[in-house]
Amino acid sequence: MTTTTPSIERSPIGNQLAALTVRNLRTSARVPQLLMFSLTMPMAMLILFSQVFRSVAAGPGFPAGVSYIVFLTPAMLAVSTVMAGTNAGVSAAIDHTNGLHDRFAALPMRAALPGVARTINEAVFTLARAALLGIAAVALGFEFFGTALDAVAAVVVLVTLAGAMSALFGLIGDRLRRPDVVQFAGMMVMMPLMFISSAFAPLETMPGWMQAMATVNPVAHATDALRAHVLGTATVGDTVSALVAAIALWAVVTVVPALTRLVRSVRAR
């Protein structure tokens, strides 16, 4: 940290963000065990879930002519992004515990930059996880029925969701400031995001209240959009709805707290 601080102090915003992003990537790389489990856990879940829940494909409401591995893989892309988002929360809490957050606050840089750097870090690892997950899925019989444009749109949806999850769990980390507490709180937030969606079974098979909650769940919208792009049936509305839901969540957890702080500072004057 002592080697990067001077460059942060003297550099414009772009260089400051680059220095923080490199720091985050290096920090992740210094714990290879954590990095390995973070990247391979989605593959293990894909293999287990595709075998344990494959009977869902024979149930009512399941899309005709779609295998469960094709149904599940897009969902696992979204779900693994949510699970990895907790890393941003733990990272934020560790920065508070180590006093690094206070150091950042004393530097002449924008307060939002550490959070943006964490988001970029999560986006990079999201793409790496997606590549590994895709390899595992193909080995299990996954097929992609969409076009090149569908693939690009799916990546945009996934990266946007990663940004929203990083902001959400980063806010939790900033508020709770203890890595162990953040992990438990992250689980409580993560579970409804994952399961109140069509990730593992069609929404039509779920209670009405869950279907209603899924309409405001960005993970549900992302899952539906990713699945539609995989099947080649996506519309512009599918992609827009997933992007709007993720951006709305990002706005709530970033813009609203910033505006609240601004109002308080104005009143204090």
C-alpha atoms as a PDB file:
ATOM      1  CA  MET A   1       0.000   0.000   0.000  1.00  0.00           C
ATOM      2  CA  THR A   2       2.861   2.379   0.719  1.00  0.00           C
ATOM      3  CA  THR A   3       3.997   2.087  -2.896  1.00  0.00           C
ATOM      4  CA  THR A   4       0.602   2.920  -4.417  1.00  0.00           C
ATOM      5  CA  THR A   5      -0.517   5.707  -2.097  1.00  0.00           C
ATOM      6  CA  PRO A   6       1.765   8.441  -3.586  1.00  0.00           C
ATOM      7  CA  SER A   7       0.517   7.695  -7.115  1.00  0.00           C
ATOM      8  CA  ILE A   8      -3.065   7.932  -5.902  1.00  0.00           C
ATOM      9  CA  GLU A   9      -2.387  11.270  -4.264  1.00  0.00           C
ATOM     10  CA  ARG A  10      -0.807  12.847  -7.341  1.00  0.00           C
ATOM     11  CA  SER A  11      -2.798  11.239 -10.164  1.00  0.00           C
ATOM     12  CA  PRO A  12      -5.989  12.269 -11.950  1.00  0.00           C
ATOM     13  CA  ILE A  13      -9.163  10.246 -11.465  1.00  0.00           C
ATOM     14  CA  GLY A  14      -8.389   7.739 -14.249  1.00  0.00           C
ATOM     15  CA  ASN A  15      -5.003   6.841 -12.811  1.00  0.00           C
ATOM     16  CA  GLN A  16      -6.397   6.726  -9.280  1.00  0.00           C
ATOM     17  CA  LEU A  17      -9.060   4.260 -10.387  1.00  0.00           C
ATOM     18  CA  ALA A  18      -6.477   2.179 -12.245  1.00  0.00           C
ATOM     19  CA  ALA A  19      -4.235   2.054  -9.151  1.00  0.00           C
ATOM     20  CA  LEU A  20      -7.140   0.969  -6.930  1.00  0.00           C
ATOM     21  CA  THR A  21      -8.289  -1.647  -9.441  1.00  0.00           C
ATOM     22  CA  VAL A  22      -4.789  -3.132  -9.745  1.00  0.00           C
ATOM     23  CA  ARG A  23      -4.579  -3.196  -5.949  1.00  0.00           C
ATOM     24  CA  ASN A  24      -7.850  -5.146  -5.729  1.00  0.00           C
ATOM     25  CA  LEU A  25      -6.770  -7.625  -8.406  1.00  0.00           C
ATOM     26  CA  ARG A  26      -3.431  -8.160  -6.669  1.00  0.00           C
ATOM     27  CA  THR A  27      -5.155  -8.627  -3.317  1.00  0.00           C
ATOM     28  CA  SER A  28      -7.384 -11.321  -4.835  1.00  0.00           C
ATOM     29  CA  ALA A  29      -4.419 -13.015  -6.490  1.00  0.00           C
ATOM     30  CA  ARG A  30      -2.497 -13.154  -3.199  1.00  0.00           C
ATOM     31  CA  VAL A  31      -5.005 -15.683  -1.830  1.00  0.00           C
ATOM     32  CA  PRO A  32      -4.959 -18.387  -4.522  1.00  0.00           C
ATOM     33  CA  GLN A  33      -7.075 -20.786  -2.456  1.00  0.00           C
ATOM     34  CA  LEU A  34      -9.909 -18.249  -2.191  1.00  0.00           C
ATOM     35  CA  LEU A  35      -9.528 -17.393  -5.859  1.00  0.00           C
ATOM     36  CA  MET A  36      -9.710 -21.053  -6.847  1.00  0.00           C
ATOM     37  CA  PHE A  37     -12.834 -21.742  -4.782  1.00  0.00           C
ATOM     38  CA  SER A  38     -14.500 -18.560  -6.023  1.00  0.00           C
ATOM     39  CA  LEU A  39     -13.976 -19.575  -9.638  1.00  0.00           C
ATOM     40  CA  THR A  40     -14.729 -23.282  -9.314  1.00  0.00           C
ATOM     41  CA  MET A  41     -17.687 -23.224  -6.896  1.00  0.00           C
ATOM     42  CA  PRO A  42     -20.185 -22.348  -9.665  1.00  0.00           C
ATOM     43  CA  MET A  43     -18.964 -25.336 -11.704  1.00  0.00           C
ATOM     44  CA  ALA A  44     -19.461 -27.662  -8.738  1.00  0.00           C
ATOM     45  CA  MET A  45     -22.959 -26.257  -8.157  1.00  0.00           C
ATOM     46  CA  LEU A  46     -23.817 -26.615 -11.846  1.00  0.00           C
ATOM     47  CA  ILE A  47     -22.795 -30.275 -11.851  1.00  0.00           C
ATOM     48  CA  LEU A  48     -24.679 -31.074  -8.631  1.00  0.00           C
ATOM     49  CA  PHE A  49     -27.835 -29.076  -9.393  1.00  0.00           C
ATOM     50  CA  SER A  50     -28.067 -30.404 -12.959  1.00  0.00           C
ATOM     51  CA  GLN A  51     -28.183 -33.937 -11.589  1.00  0.00           C
ATOM     52  CA  VAL A  52     -30.218 -33.453  -8.395  1.00  0.00           C
ATOM     53  CA  PHE A  53     -32.944 -31.241  -9.880  1.00  0.00           C
ATOM     54  CA  ARG A  54     -33.100 -32.577 -13.422  1.00  0.00           C
ATOM     55  CA  SER A  55     -36.503 -34.159 -12.712  1.00  0.00           C
ATOM     56  CA  VAL A  56     -37.874 -30.598 -12.735  1.00  0.00           C
ATOM     57  CA  ALA A  57     -37.729 -30.814 -16.537  1.00  0.00           C
ATOM     58  CA  ALA A  58     -40.539 -33.377 -16.417  1.00  0.00           C
ATOM     59  CA  GLY A  59     -42.795 -31.187 -14.282  1.00  0.00           C
ATOM     60  CA  PRO A  60     -45.606 -28.840 -15.320  1.00  0.00           C
ATOM     61  CA  GLY A  61     -44.693 -25.414 -16.600  1.00  0.00           C
ATOM     62  CA  PHE A  62     -41.237 -26.438 -17.800  1.00  0.00           C
ATOM     63  CA  PRO A  63     -40.388 -25.126 -21.301  1.00  0.00           C
ATOM     64  CA  ALA A  64     -41.053 -27.771 -23.927  1.00  0.00           C
ATOM     65  CA  GLY A  65     -38.043 -29.131 -25.781  1.00  0.00           C
ATOM     66  CA  VAL A  66     -35.506 -27.564 -23.379  1.00  0.00           C
ATOM     67  CA  SER A  67     -33.090 -29.765 -21.455  1.00  0.00           C
ATOM     68  CA  TYR A  68     -32.478 -28.960 -17.801  1.00  0.00           C
ATOM     69  CA  ILE A  69     -28.784 -28.173 -18.384  1.00  0.00           C
ATOM     70  CA  VAL A  70     -29.770 -25.550 -20.978  1.00  0.00           C
ATOM     71  CA  PHE A  71     -32.376 -24.202 -18.535  1.00  0.00           C
ATOM     72  CA  LEU A  72     -29.967 -24.211 -15.589  1.00  0.00           C
ATOM     73  CA  THR A  73     -26.745 -22.817 -17.080  1.00  0.00           C
ATOM     74  CA  PRO A  74     -27.970 -19.222 -17.625  1.00  0.00           C
ATOM     75  CA  ALA A  75     -29.390 -19.278 -14.091  1.00  0.00           C
ATOM     76  CA  MET A  76     -26.061 -20.398 -12.657  1.00  0.00           C
ATOM     77  CA  LEU A  77     -24.368 -17.492 -14.428  1.00  0.00           C
ATOM     78  CA  ALA A  78     -26.706 -15.098 -12.612  1.00  0.00           C
ATOM     79  CA  VAL A  79     -26.600 -16.972  -9.298  1.00  0.00           C
ATOM     80  CA  SER A  80     -22.797 -17.219  -9.234  1.00  0.00           C
ATOM     81  CA  THR A  81     -22.669 -13.466  -9.838  1.00  0.00           C
ATOM     82  CA  VAL A  82     -24.843 -12.891  -6.771  1.00  0.00           C
ATOM     83  CA  MET A  83     -22.762 -15.277  -4.666  1.00  0.00           C
ATOM     84  CA  ALA A  84     -19.534 -13.600  -5.736  1.00  0.00           C
ATOM     85  CA  GLY A  85     -21.010 -10.202  -4.901  1.00  0.00           C
ATOM     86  CA  THR A  86     -20.572 -11.018  -1.225  1.00  0.00           C
ATOM     87  CA  ASN A  87     -16.808 -10.840  -1.863  1.00  0.00           C
ATOM     88  CA  ALA A  88     -17.186  -7.108  -2.467  1.00  0.00           C
ATOM     89  CA  GLY A  89     -18.926  -6.751   0.896  1.00  0.00           C
ATOM     90  CA  VAL A  90     -16.247  -8.702   2.732  1.00  0.00           C
ATOM     91  CA  SER A  91     -13.550  -6.700   0.939  1.00  0.00           C
ATOM     92  CA  ALA A  92     -15.176  -3.426   2.018  1.00  0.00           C
ATOM     93  CA  ALA A  93     -15.416  -4.654   5.615  1.00  0.00           C
ATOM     94  CA  ILE A  94     -11.748  -5.694   5.613  1.00  0.00           C
ATOM     95  CA  ASP A  95     -10.777  -2.225   4.390  1.00  0.00           C
ATOM     96  CA  HIS A  96     -12.618  -0.762   7.387  1.00  0.00           C
ATOM     97  CA  THR A  97     -11.050  -3.260   9.787  1.00  0.00           C
ATOM     98  CA  ASN A  98      -7.547  -2.522   8.510  1.00  0.00           C
ATOM     99  CA  GLY A  99      -8.064   1.231   8.628  1.00  0.00           C
ATOM    100  CA  LEU A 100      -7.587   1.468   4.874  1.00  0.00           C
ATOM    101  CA  HIS A 101     -10.988   3.096   4.381  1.00  0.00           C
ATOM    102  CA  ASP A 102      -9.986   5.921   6.730  1.00  0.00           C
ATOM    103  CA  ARG A 103      -6.740   6.307   4.801  1.00  0.00           C
ATOM    104  CA  PHE A 104      -8.676   6.574   1.533  1.00  0.00           C
ATOM    105  CA  ALA A 105     -10.958   9.192   3.107  1.00  0.00           C
ATOM    106  CA  ALA A 106      -7.901  11.315   3.943  1.00  0.00           C
ATOM    107  CA  LEU A 107      -6.568  11.215   0.381  1.00  0.00           C
ATOM    108  CA  PRO A 108      -7.477  13.801  -2.279  1.00  0.00           C
ATOM    109  CA  MET A 109      -9.662  11.459  -4.310  1.00  0.00           C
ATOM    110  CA  ARG A 110     -13.365  10.871  -4.789  1.00  0.00           C
ATOM    111  CA  ALA A 111     -15.026   8.746  -2.129  1.00  0.00           C
ATOM    112  CA  ALA A 112     -16.751   6.581  -4.743  1.00  0.00           C
ATOM    113  CA  LEU A 113     -13.536   5.358  -6.402  1.00  0.00           C
ATOM    114  CA  PRO A 114     -12.807   2.397  -4.054  1.00  0.00           C
ATOM    115  CA  GLY A 115     -16.327   1.101  -4.697  1.00  0.00           C
ATOM    116  CA  VAL A 116     -15.939   1.530  -8.457  1.00  0.00           C
ATOM    117  CA  ALA A 117     -12.616  -0.337  -8.314  1.00  0.00           C
ATOM    118  CA  ARG A 118     -14.299  -3.199  -6.425  1.00  0.00           C
ATOM    119  CA  THR A 119     -16.996  -3.295  -9.108  1.00  0.00           C
ATOM    120  CA  ILE A 120     -14.418  -3.538 -11.895  1.00  0.00           C
ATOM    121  CA  ASN A 121     -12.665  -6.303  -9.968  1.00  0.00           C
ATOM    122  CA  GLU A 122     -15.936  -8.235  -9.699  1.00  0.00           C
ATOM    123  CA  ALA A 123     -16.677  -7.693 -13.399  1.00  0.00           C
ATOM    124  CA  VAL A 124     -13.313  -9.219 -14.355  1.00  0.00           C
ATOM    125  CA  PHE A 125     -13.885 -12.270 -12.182  1.00  0.00           C
ATOM    126  CA  THR A 126     -17.484 -12.540 -13.406  1.00  0.00           C
ATOM    127  CA  LEU A 127     -16.218 -12.975 -16.965  1.00  0.00           C
ATOM    128  CA  ALA A 128     -13.639 -15.547 -15.801  1.00  0.00           C
ATOM    129  CA  ARG A 129     -16.315 -17.510 -13.910  1.00  0.00           C
ATOM    130  CA  ALA A 130     -18.637 -17.362 -16.918  1.00  0.00           C
ATOM    131  CA  ALA A 131     -15.919 -18.818 -19.158  1.00  0.00           C
ATOM    132  CA  LEU A 132     -15.202 -21.701 -16.764  1.00  0.00           C
ATOM    133  CA  LEU A 133     -18.901 -22.319 -16.190  1.00  0.00           C
ATOM    134  CA  GLY A 134     -19.462 -22.428 -19.942  1.00  0.00           C
ATOM    135  CA  ILE A 135     -16.769 -25.065 -20.376  1.00  0.00           C
ATOM    136  CA  ALA A 136     -18.310 -27.231 -17.644  1.00  0.00           C
ATOM    137  CA  ALA A 137     -21.801 -26.780 -19.085  1.00  0.00           C
ATOM    138  CA  VAL A 138     -20.723 -27.833 -22.589  1.00  0.00           C
ATOM    139  CA  ALA A 139     -19.199 -30.988 -21.091  1.00  0.00           C
ATOM    140  CA  LEU A 140     -22.622 -31.729 -19.564  1.00  0.00           C
ATOM    141  CA  GLY A 141     -24.468 -31.274 -22.864  1.00  0.00           C
ATOM    142  CA  PHE A 142     -25.197 -27.547 -22.907  1.00  0.00           C
ATOM    143  CA  GLU A 143     -25.969 -25.963 -26.273  1.00  0.00           C
ATOM    144  CA  PHE A 144     -26.165 -22.292 -27.216  1.00  0.00           C
ATOM    145  CA  PHE A 145     -29.000 -21.569 -29.646  1.00  0.00           C
ATOM    146  CA  GLY A 146     -28.590 -17.815 -29.881  1.00  0.00           C
ATOM    147  CA  THR A 147     -26.613 -15.570 -32.221  1.00  0.00           C
ATOM    148  CA  ALA A 148     -23.388 -13.635 -31.691  1.00  0.00           C
ATOM    149  CA  LEU A 149     -25.538 -10.631 -30.785  1.00  0.00           C
ATOM    150  CA  ASP A 150     -27.287 -12.749 -28.147  1.00  0.00           C
ATOM    151  CA  ALA A 151     -23.906 -13.662 -26.673  1.00  0.00           C
ATOM    152  CA  VAL A 152     -22.832 -10.013 -26.495  1.00  0.00           C
ATOM    153  CA  ALA A 153     -26.147  -8.951 -24.950  1.00  0.00           C
ATOM    154  CA  ALA A 154     -25.874 -11.751 -22.375  1.00  0.00           C
ATOM    155  CA  VAL A 155     -22.408 -10.535 -21.357  1.00  0.00           C
ATOM    156  CA  VAL A 156     -23.726  -6.978 -20.974  1.00  0.00           C
ATOM    157  CA  VAL A 157     -26.590  -8.214 -18.777  1.00  0.00           C
ATOM    158  CA  LEU A 158     -24.220 -10.312 -16.661  1.00  0.00           C
ATOM    159  CA  VAL A 159     -21.653  -7.538 -16.140  1.00  0.00           C
ATOM    160  CA  THR A 160     -24.400  -5.036 -15.276  1.00  0.00           C
ATOM    161  CA  LEU A 161     -25.795  -7.468 -12.708  1.00  0.00           C
ATOM    162  CA  ALA A 162     -22.278  -7.906 -11.287  1.00  0.00           C
ATOM    163  CA  GLY A 163     -22.030  -4.132 -10.856  1.00  0.00           C
ATOM    164  CA  ALA A 164     -25.352  -3.998  -9.018  1.00  0.00           C
ATOM    165  CA  MET A 165     -24.417  -6.893  -6.724  1.00  0.00           C
ATOM    166  CA  SER A 166     -21.022  -5.367  -5.990  1.00  0.00           C
ATOM    167  CA  ALA A 167     -22.686  -2.080  -5.033  1.00  0.00           C
ATOM    168  CA  LEU A 168     -25.302  -3.826  -2.870  1.00  0.00           C
ATOM    169  CA  PHE A 169     -22.901  -6.008  -0.905  1.00  0.00           C
ATOM    170  CA  GLY A 170     -20.288  -3.248  -0.820  1.00  0.00           C
ATOM    171  CA  LEU A 171     -22.854  -1.067   0.948  1.00  0.00           C
ATOM    172  CA  ILE A 172     -23.504  -3.879   3.432  1.00  0.00           C
ATOM    173  CA  GLY A 173     -19.762  -4.144   4.061  1.00  0.00           C
ATOM    174  CA  ASP A 174     -19.452  -0.378   4.562  1.00  0.00           C
ATOM    175  CA  ARG A 175     -22.319  -0.395   7.053  1.00  0.00           C
ATOM    176  CA  LEU A 176     -21.490  -3.509   9.093  1.00  0.00           C
ATOM    177  CA  ARG A 177     -17.673  -3.247   8.880  1.00  0.00           C
ATOM    178  CA  ARG A 178     -16.992  -6.752  10.198  1.00  0.00           C
ATOM    179  CA  PRO A 179     -16.127  -9.467   7.666  1.00  0.00           C
ATOM    180  CA  ASP A 180     -17.727 -12.291   9.688  1.00  0.00           C
ATOM    181  CA  VAL A 181     -20.984 -10.364  10.143  1.00  0.00           C
ATOM    182  CA  VAL A 182     -20.990  -9.313   6.487  1.00  0.00           C
ATOM    183  CA  GLN A 183     -20.768 -12.956   5.423  1.00  0.00           C
ATOM    184  CA  PHE A 184     -23.881 -13.895   7.411  1.00  0.00           C
ATOM    185  CA  ALA A 185     -25.767 -10.774   6.346  1.00  0.00           C
ATOM    186  CA  GLY A 186     -24.755 -11.450   2.762  1.00  0.00           C
ATOM    187  CA  MET A 187     -26.216 -14.944   2.960  1.00  0.00           C
ATOM    188  CA  MET A 188     -29.531 -13.577   4.215  1.00  0.00           C
ATOM    189  CA  VAL A 189     -29.683 -11.132   1.316  1.00  0.00           C
ATOM    190  CA  MET A 190     -28.358 -13.601  -1.235  1.00  0.00           C
ATOM    191  CA  MET A 191     -30.853 -16.423  -0.605  1.00  0.00           C
ATOM    192  CA  PRO A 192     -34.064 -14.586  -1.574  1.00  0.00           C
ATOM    193  CA  LEU A 193     -32.341 -13.023  -4.583  1.00  0.00           C
ATOM    194  CA  MET A 194     -31.369 -16.493  -5.794  1.00  0.00           C
ATOM    195  CA  PHE A 195     -34.501 -18.489  -5.043  1.00  0.00           C
ATOM    196  CA  ILE A 196     -37.269 -15.943  -5.652  1.00  0.00           C
ATOM    197  CA  SER A 197     -36.636 -16.249  -9.363  1.00  0.00           C
ATOM    198  CA  SER A 198     -36.883 -18.764 -12.166  1.00  0.00           C
ATOM    199  CA  ALA A 199     -33.284 -19.832 -11.607  1.00  0.00           C
ATOM    200  CA  PHE A 200     -33.958 -23.436 -10.611  1.00  0.00           C
ATOM    201  CA  ALA A 201     -37.620 -23.946 -11.500  1.00  0.00           C
ATOM    202  CA  PRO A 202     -40.254 -22.086 -13.552  1.00  0.00           C
ATOM    203  CA  LEU A 203     -41.924 -19.239 -11.649  1.00  0.00           C
ATOM    204  CA  GLU A 204     -45.331 -20.639 -12.602  1.00  0.00           C
ATOM    205  CA  THR A 205     -44.762 -23.504 -10.169  1.00  0.00           C
ATOM    206  CA  MET A 206     -44.217 -21.142  -7.219  1.00  0.00           C
ATOM    207  CA  PRO A 207     -46.694 -19.443  -4.852  1.00  0.00           C
ATOM    208  CA  GLY A 208     -48.267 -16.199  -6.011  1.00  0.00           C
ATOM    209  CA  TRP A 209     -46.401 -14.055  -3.475  1.00  0.00           C
ATOM    210  CA  MET A 210     -43.066 -15.344  -4.784  1.00  0.00           C
ATOM    211  CA  GLN A 211     -44.090 -14.595  -8.345  1.00  0.00           C
ATOM    212  CA  ALA A 212     -45.010 -11.055  -7.283  1.00  0.00           C
ATOM    213  CA  MET A 213     -41.663 -10.527  -5.522  1.00  0.00           C
ATOM    214  CA  ALA A 214     -39.802 -11.839  -8.561  1.00  0.00           C
ATOM    215  CA  THR A 215     -41.101  -8.901 -10.606  1.00  0.00           C
ATOM    216  CA  VAL A 216     -38.808  -6.566  -8.637  1.00  0.00           C
ATOM    217  CA  ASN A 217     -35.896  -8.998  -8.287  1.00  0.00           C
ATOM    218  CA  PRO A 218     -33.031  -8.038 -10.633  1.00  0.00           C
ATOM    219  CA  VAL A 219     -31.673 -11.589 -10.470  1.00  0.00           C
ATOM    220  CA  ALA A 220     -34.994 -12.923 -11.764  1.00  0.00           C
ATOM    221  CA  HIS A 221     -34.941 -10.483 -14.683  1.00  0.00           C
ATOM    222  CA  ALA A 222     -31.285 -11.264 -15.438  1.00  0.00           C
ATOM    223  CA  THR A 223     -31.963 -15.004 -15.336  1.00  0.00           C
ATOM    224  CA  ASP A 224     -34.892 -14.699 -17.733  1.00  0.00           C
ATOM    225  CA  ALA A 225     -32.909 -12.505 -20.116  1.00  0.00           C
ATOM    226  CA  LEU A 226     -29.838 -14.760 -20.061  1.00  0.00           C
ATOM    227  CA  ARG A 227     -31.988 -17.838 -20.653  1.00  0.00           C
ATOM    228  CA  ALA A 228     -33.789 -16.151 -23.541  1.00  0.00           C
ATOM    229  CA  HIS A 229     -30.471 -15.202 -25.153  1.00  0.00           C
ATOM    230  CA  VAL A 230     -29.195 -18.772 -24.757  1.00  0.00           C
ATOM    231  CA  LEU A 231     -32.350 -20.121 -26.415  1.00  0.00           C
ATOM    232  CA  GLY A 232     -32.262 -17.474 -29.130  1.00  0.00           C
ATOM    233  CA  THR A 233     -35.745 -16.206 -28.231  1.00  0.00           C
ATOM    234  CA  ALA A 234     -34.769 -12.947 -26.507  1.00  0.00           C
ATOM    235  CA  THR A 235     -36.492  -9.689 -27.315  1.00  0.00           C
ATOM    236  CA  VAL A 236     -35.246  -6.159 -26.758  1.00  0.00           C
ATOM    237  CA  GLY A 237     -37.691  -5.982 -23.848  1.00  0.00           C
ATOM    238  CA  ASP A 238     -36.015  -8.939 -22.115  1.00  0.00           C
ATOM    239  CA  THR A 239     -32.609  -7.270 -22.227  1.00  0.00           C
ATOM    240  CA  VAL A 240     -33.886  -3.806 -21.311  1.00  0.00           C
ATOM    241  CA  SER A 241     -35.890  -5.134 -18.377  1.00  0.00           C
ATOM    242  CA  ALA A 242     -32.813  -6.953 -16.979  1.00  0.00           C
ATOM    243  CA  LEU A 243     -30.626  -3.880 -17.407  1.00  0.00           C
ATOM    244  CA  VAL A 244     -33.205  -1.526 -15.883  1.00  0.00           C
ATOM    245  CA  ALA A 245     -33.728  -3.793 -12.857  1.00  0.00           C
ATOM    246  CA  ALA A 246     -29.979  -4.047 -12.200  1.00  0.00           C
ATOM    247  CA  ILE A 247     -29.351  -0.328 -12.743  1.00  0.00           C
ATOM    248  CA  ALA A 248     -32.304   0.528 -10.484  1.00  0.00           C
ATOM    249  CA  LEU A 249     -30.807  -1.572  -7.682  1.00  0.00           C
ATOM    250  CA  TRP A 250     -27.418   0.068  -8.249  1.00  0.00           C
ATOM    251  CA  ALA A 251     -29.041   3.520  -8.083  1.00  0.00           C
ATOM    252  CA  VAL A 252     -30.851   2.709  -4.849  1.00  0.00           C
ATOM    253  CA  VAL A 253     -27.712   1.521  -3.045  1.00  0.00           C
ATOM    254  CA  THR A 254     -25.342   4.185  -4.404  1.00  0.00           C
ATOM    255  CA  VAL A 255     -27.201   7.319  -5.440  1.00  0.00           C
ATOM    256  CA  VAL A 256     -29.737   7.387  -2.598  1.00  0.00           C
ATOM    257  CA  PRO A 257     -27.122   7.142   0.230  1.00  0.00           C
ATOM    258  CA  ALA A 258     -25.005   9.785  -1.536  1.00  0.00           C
ATOM    259  CA  LEU A 259     -27.961  12.142  -1.776  1.00  0.00           C
ATOM    260  CA  THR A 260     -28.792  11.491   1.879  1.00  0.00           C
ATOM    261  CA  ARG A 261     -25.250  12.429   2.908  1.00  0.00           C
ATOM    262  CA  LEU A 262     -25.445  15.542   0.750  1.00  0.00           C
ATOM    263  CA  VAL A 263     -28.724  16.650   2.339  1.00  0.00           C
ATOM    264  CA  ARG A 264     -27.333  16.099   5.824  1.00  0.00           C
ATOM    265  CA  SER A 265     -24.209  18.122   5.072  1.00  0.00           C
ATOM    266  CA  VAL A 266     -26.307  20.984   3.685  1.00  0.00           C
ATOM    267  CA  ARG A 267     -28.531  20.963   6.767  1.00  0.00           C
ATOM    268  CA  ALA A 268     -25.489  20.890   9.035  1.00  0.00           C
ATOM    269  CA  ARG A 269     -24.325  24.168   7.520  1.00  0.00           C
END
